[in-house]
Amino acid sequence: MIVHHDSDNDCLTLQLGERFDFSIHREFHDACLRDGVARSYVIDFSEVNSMDSSALGMLLLLREHAGADKADIRIVNAGAELRGTLRVAGFDELFVLH
């Protein structure tokens, strides 16, 4: 996972690797939840081939940390299958999917 913080816009971008699952829980937590709240978040799925239910949980924790309904979190570059999974789980109502 590659983490970039744009301090000018206070935007934290996480470029995930091939697997978005429990194996990156600690790294995801440290990148997103350890420090204060950023103004916005971009979660880049361009390399993600698979994700499990713990990935959905991590996204929900991030959303709560970032202000729930006030959170500005965009999920970008997800393939059709992953976008479908996110929609079935109702995440298209909680996050902006690009």
N, C-alpha and C. Protein backbone atom coordinates (compact mmCIF):
# COMPACT_ATOMS: atom_id res chain seq x y z
N MET A 1 0.84 -1.16 0.00
CA MET A 1 0.00 0.00 0.00
C MET A 1 0.90 1.24 0.00
N ILE A 2 0.52 2.20 -0.84
CA ILE A 2 1.23 3.46 -0.90
C ILE A 2 0.32 4.53 -0.33
N VAL A 3 0.86 5.32 0.59
CA VAL A 3 0.08 6.37 1.26
C VAL A 3 0.68 7.71 0.89
N HIS A 4 -0.20 8.64 0.49
CA HIS A 4 0.25 9.99 0.16
C HIS A 4 -0.69 10.99 0.82
N HIS A 5 -0.11 11.96 1.52
CA HIS A 5 -0.92 13.02 2.13
C HIS A 5 -0.62 14.33 1.42
N ASP A 6 -1.63 14.88 0.76
CA ASP A 6 -1.53 16.19 0.12
C ASP A 6 -1.86 17.22 1.20
N SER A 7 -0.83 17.82 1.77
CA SER A 7 -1.05 18.73 2.90
C SER A 7 -1.74 20.02 2.47
N ASP A 8 -1.57 20.44 1.22
CA ASP A 8 -2.23 21.66 0.75
C ASP A 8 -3.75 21.51 0.78
N ASN A 9 -4.24 20.34 0.38
CA ASN A 9 -5.68 20.08 0.34
C ASN A 9 -6.16 19.19 1.49
N ASP A 10 -5.23 18.78 2.34
CA ASP A 10 -5.52 17.87 3.45
C ASP A 10 -6.29 16.63 2.97
N CYS A 11 -5.72 16.01 1.92
CA CYS A 11 -6.32 14.80 1.34
C CYS A 11 -5.34 13.64 1.50
N LEU A 12 -5.83 12.55 2.08
CA LEU A 12 -5.03 11.35 2.26
C LEU A 12 -5.42 10.34 1.18
N THR A 13 -4.45 9.93 0.37
CA THR A 13 -4.69 8.95 -0.69
C THR A 13 -4.01 7.66 -0.33
N LEU A 14 -4.77 6.56 -0.43
CA LEU A 14 -4.22 5.23 -0.21
C LEU A 14 -4.34 4.45 -1.51
N GLN A 15 -3.22 4.06 -2.06
CA GLN A 15 -3.21 3.20 -3.23
C GLN A 15 -2.99 1.78 -2.73
N LEU A 16 -4.04 0.99 -2.80
CA LEU A 16 -4.01 -0.36 -2.27
C LEU A 16 -3.29 -1.30 -3.23
N GLY A 17 -2.77 -2.39 -2.70
CA GLY A 17 -2.13 -3.42 -3.51
C GLY A 17 -3.15 -4.39 -4.08
N GLU A 18 -2.70 -5.56 -4.49
CA GLU A 18 -3.57 -6.54 -5.15
C GLU A 18 -4.66 -7.08 -4.24
N ARG A 19 -4.35 -7.22 -2.97
CA ARG A 19 -5.33 -7.79 -2.03
C ARG A 19 -5.72 -6.75 -1.00
N PHE A 20 -7.01 -6.55 -0.85
CA PHE A 20 -7.53 -5.68 0.19
C PHE A 20 -8.28 -6.60 1.15
N ASP A 21 -7.55 -7.05 2.17
CA ASP A 21 -8.11 -8.01 3.11
C ASP A 21 -7.47 -7.83 4.48
N PHE A 22 -7.76 -8.75 5.37
CA PHE A 22 -7.29 -8.62 6.74
C PHE A 22 -5.77 -8.53 6.85
N SER A 23 -5.05 -9.02 5.88
CA SER A 23 -3.58 -9.00 5.95
C SER A 23 -3.02 -7.58 5.97
N ILE A 24 -3.79 -6.59 5.53
CA ILE A 24 -3.29 -5.20 5.57
C ILE A 24 -4.02 -4.37 6.63
N HIS A 25 -4.75 -5.03 7.51
CA HIS A 25 -5.52 -4.31 8.53
C HIS A 25 -4.67 -3.33 9.31
N ARG A 26 -3.55 -3.77 9.85
CA ARG A 26 -2.70 -2.91 10.68
C ARG A 26 -2.16 -1.73 9.86
N GLU A 27 -1.69 -2.01 8.66
CA GLU A 27 -1.15 -0.96 7.81
C GLU A 27 -2.23 0.07 7.44
N PHE A 28 -3.42 -0.41 7.12
CA PHE A 28 -4.55 0.47 6.78
C PHE A 28 -4.91 1.32 8.01
N HIS A 29 -5.01 0.67 9.15
CA HIS A 29 -5.34 1.37 10.39
C HIS A 29 -4.31 2.46 10.69
N ASP A 30 -3.03 2.12 10.60
CA ASP A 30 -1.98 3.08 10.90
C ASP A 30 -2.01 4.26 9.94
N ALA A 31 -2.29 4.00 8.66
CA ALA A 31 -2.31 5.06 7.66
C ALA A 31 -3.50 5.99 7.83
N CYS A 32 -4.66 5.45 8.15
CA CYS A 32 -5.91 6.23 8.16
C CYS A 32 -6.37 6.68 9.52
N LEU A 33 -6.20 5.85 10.51
CA LEU A 33 -6.90 6.07 11.76
C LEU A 33 -6.00 6.50 12.92
N ARG A 34 -4.71 6.37 12.75
CA ARG A 34 -3.81 6.66 13.86
C ARG A 34 -3.73 8.16 14.15
N ASP A 35 -3.61 8.96 13.11
CA ASP A 35 -3.47 10.39 13.30
C ASP A 35 -4.84 11.07 13.23
N GLY A 36 -4.85 12.37 13.18
CA GLY A 36 -6.09 13.12 13.11
C GLY A 36 -6.86 12.84 11.83
N VAL A 37 -7.97 13.51 11.70
CA VAL A 37 -8.85 13.31 10.56
C VAL A 37 -8.43 14.24 9.42
N ALA A 38 -8.28 13.68 8.23
CA ALA A 38 -8.00 14.49 7.04
C ALA A 38 -9.32 15.07 6.54
N ARG A 39 -9.24 16.12 5.73
CA ARG A 39 -10.45 16.71 5.15
C ARG A 39 -11.11 15.75 4.18
N SER A 40 -10.28 15.01 3.40
CA SER A 40 -10.84 14.05 2.45
C SER A 40 -9.90 12.87 2.29
N TYR A 41 -10.48 11.79 1.75
CA TYR A 41 -9.74 10.54 1.54
C TYR A 41 -10.03 10.02 0.14
N VAL A 42 -9.00 9.47 -0.50
CA VAL A 42 -9.16 8.79 -1.77
C VAL A 42 -8.59 7.39 -1.58
N ILE A 43 -9.42 6.38 -1.84
CA ILE A 43 -8.99 4.99 -1.74
C ILE A 43 -8.90 4.47 -3.17
N ASP A 44 -7.68 4.22 -3.63
CA ASP A 44 -7.43 3.82 -5.02
C ASP A 44 -7.39 2.30 -5.13
N PHE A 45 -8.37 1.76 -5.85
CA PHE A 45 -8.50 0.31 -6.05
C PHE A 45 -7.85 -0.16 -7.36
N SER A 46 -7.06 0.67 -8.02
CA SER A 46 -6.58 0.32 -9.37
C SER A 46 -5.84 -1.01 -9.43
N GLU A 47 -5.17 -1.42 -8.36
CA GLU A 47 -4.43 -2.68 -8.37
C GLU A 47 -5.14 -3.81 -7.64
N VAL A 48 -6.27 -3.52 -7.01
CA VAL A 48 -6.96 -4.52 -6.19
C VAL A 48 -7.64 -5.57 -7.07
N ASN A 49 -7.30 -6.83 -6.83
CA ASN A 49 -7.92 -7.96 -7.52
C ASN A 49 -8.94 -8.68 -6.65
N SER A 50 -8.75 -8.58 -5.33
CA SER A 50 -9.67 -9.27 -4.43
C SER A 50 -9.80 -8.49 -3.13
N MET A 51 -10.99 -8.65 -2.53
CA MET A 51 -11.23 -8.03 -1.24
C MET A 51 -12.16 -8.94 -0.47
N ASP A 52 -12.04 -8.89 0.85
CA ASP A 52 -12.91 -9.72 1.67
C ASP A 52 -13.75 -8.85 2.59
N SER A 53 -14.53 -9.49 3.45
CA SER A 53 -15.44 -8.74 4.32
C SER A 53 -14.69 -7.84 5.30
N SER A 54 -13.48 -8.19 5.67
CA SER A 54 -12.73 -7.32 6.57
C SER A 54 -12.37 -6.01 5.88
N ALA A 55 -12.20 -6.03 4.57
CA ALA A 55 -11.95 -4.79 3.81
C ALA A 55 -13.15 -3.87 3.92
N LEU A 56 -14.35 -4.43 3.83
CA LEU A 56 -15.56 -3.63 3.98
C LEU A 56 -15.61 -3.03 5.38
N GLY A 57 -15.22 -3.82 6.36
CA GLY A 57 -15.18 -3.32 7.74
C GLY A 57 -14.18 -2.19 7.91
N MET A 58 -13.03 -2.31 7.27
CA MET A 58 -12.02 -1.24 7.35
C MET A 58 -12.55 0.05 6.75
N LEU A 59 -13.26 -0.06 5.63
CA LEU A 59 -13.85 1.12 5.01
C LEU A 59 -14.88 1.77 5.93
N LEU A 60 -15.68 0.94 6.60
CA LEU A 60 -16.67 1.47 7.54
C LEU A 60 -16.01 2.17 8.73
N LEU A 61 -14.93 1.60 9.24
CA LEU A 61 -14.20 2.24 10.33
C LEU A 61 -13.62 3.58 9.89
N LEU A 62 -13.09 3.63 8.68
CA LEU A 62 -12.57 4.89 8.15
C LEU A 62 -13.69 5.91 8.06
N ARG A 63 -14.84 5.49 7.57
CA ARG A 63 -15.98 6.41 7.43
C ARG A 63 -16.39 6.98 8.78
N GLU A 64 -16.45 6.15 9.79
CA GLU A 64 -16.80 6.63 11.13
C GLU A 64 -15.75 7.60 11.66
N HIS A 65 -14.49 7.25 11.46
CA HIS A 65 -13.38 8.09 11.90
C HIS A 65 -13.41 9.46 11.21
N ALA A 66 -13.81 9.47 9.95
CA ALA A 66 -13.78 10.69 9.14
C ALA A 66 -15.04 11.53 9.27
N GLY A 67 -15.99 11.12 10.11
CA GLY A 67 -17.15 11.95 10.34
C GLY A 67 -18.47 11.38 9.85
N ALA A 68 -18.51 10.09 9.56
CA ALA A 68 -19.75 9.40 9.14
C ALA A 68 -20.39 10.09 7.95
N ASP A 69 -21.59 10.61 8.09
CA ASP A 69 -22.29 11.22 6.96
C ASP A 69 -21.60 12.46 6.41
N LYS A 70 -20.73 13.06 7.20
CA LYS A 70 -19.99 14.25 6.76
C LYS A 70 -18.67 13.90 6.10
N ALA A 71 -18.31 12.63 6.08
CA ALA A 71 -17.03 12.20 5.55
C ALA A 71 -16.96 12.39 4.04
N ASP A 72 -15.79 12.79 3.56
CA ASP A 72 -15.52 12.92 2.12
C ASP A 72 -14.54 11.82 1.75
N ILE A 73 -15.09 10.68 1.34
CA ILE A 73 -14.27 9.52 0.98
C ILE A 73 -14.66 9.07 -0.42
N ARG A 74 -13.68 9.03 -1.30
CA ARG A 74 -13.92 8.57 -2.67
C ARG A 74 -13.17 7.27 -2.91
N ILE A 75 -13.87 6.32 -3.47
CA ILE A 75 -13.25 5.07 -3.90
C ILE A 75 -13.11 5.16 -5.41
N VAL A 76 -11.87 5.08 -5.88
CA VAL A 76 -11.61 5.28 -7.31
C VAL A 76 -10.96 4.05 -7.94
N ASN A 77 -11.15 3.93 -9.24
CA ASN A 77 -10.48 2.92 -10.08
C ASN A 77 -10.81 1.48 -9.72
N ALA A 78 -11.97 1.24 -9.13
CA ALA A 78 -12.37 -0.14 -8.83
C ALA A 78 -12.88 -0.79 -10.12
N GLY A 79 -12.48 -2.02 -10.36
CA GLY A 79 -12.96 -2.77 -11.51
C GLY A 79 -14.44 -3.07 -11.36
N ALA A 80 -15.04 -3.54 -12.45
CA ALA A 80 -16.47 -3.80 -12.48
C ALA A 80 -16.91 -4.78 -11.39
N GLU A 81 -16.16 -5.84 -11.18
CA GLU A 81 -16.53 -6.83 -10.17
C GLU A 81 -16.50 -6.24 -8.76
N LEU A 82 -15.45 -5.49 -8.46
CA LEU A 82 -15.35 -4.88 -7.13
C LEU A 82 -16.42 -3.80 -6.94
N ARG A 83 -16.68 -3.00 -7.97
CA ARG A 83 -17.77 -2.02 -7.88
C ARG A 83 -19.10 -2.71 -7.61
N GLY A 84 -19.31 -3.86 -8.27
CA GLY A 84 -20.53 -4.63 -8.04
C GLY A 84 -20.63 -5.10 -6.60
N THR A 85 -19.54 -5.59 -6.06
CA THR A 85 -19.52 -6.03 -4.67
C THR A 85 -19.83 -4.86 -3.73
N LEU A 86 -19.24 -3.71 -4.00
CA LEU A 86 -19.49 -2.54 -3.16
C LEU A 86 -20.95 -2.10 -3.25
N ARG A 87 -21.52 -2.19 -4.43
CA ARG A 87 -22.93 -1.81 -4.60
C ARG A 87 -23.87 -2.79 -3.89
N VAL A 88 -23.59 -4.08 -4.02
CA VAL A 88 -24.42 -5.09 -3.35
C VAL A 88 -24.40 -4.88 -1.84
N ALA A 89 -23.24 -4.48 -1.32
CA ALA A 89 -23.10 -4.24 0.12
C ALA A 89 -23.68 -2.89 0.54
N GLY A 90 -24.15 -2.11 -0.42
CA GLY A 90 -24.74 -0.80 -0.12
C GLY A 90 -23.72 0.31 0.07
N PHE A 91 -22.48 0.05 -0.30
CA PHE A 91 -21.43 1.03 -0.09
C PHE A 91 -21.53 2.20 -1.07
N ASP A 92 -22.28 2.04 -2.14
CA ASP A 92 -22.49 3.17 -3.06
C ASP A 92 -23.34 4.25 -2.41
N GLU A 93 -24.02 3.90 -1.31
CA GLU A 93 -24.80 4.89 -0.56
C GLU A 93 -23.94 5.58 0.51
N LEU A 94 -22.83 4.97 0.87
CA LEU A 94 -21.98 5.50 1.94
C LEU A 94 -20.73 6.22 1.44
N PHE A 95 -20.29 5.85 0.24
CA PHE A 95 -19.05 6.38 -0.33
C PHE A 95 -19.33 6.85 -1.76
N VAL A 96 -18.47 7.73 -2.25
CA VAL A 96 -18.53 8.13 -3.66
C VAL A 96 -17.69 7.12 -4.44
N LEU A 97 -18.29 6.45 -5.40
CA LEU A 97 -17.58 5.48 -6.23
C LEU A 97 -17.28 6.10 -7.59
N HIS A 98 -16.01 6.13 -7.97
CA HIS A 98 -15.61 6.63 -9.29
C HIS A 98 -15.02 5.49 -10.09
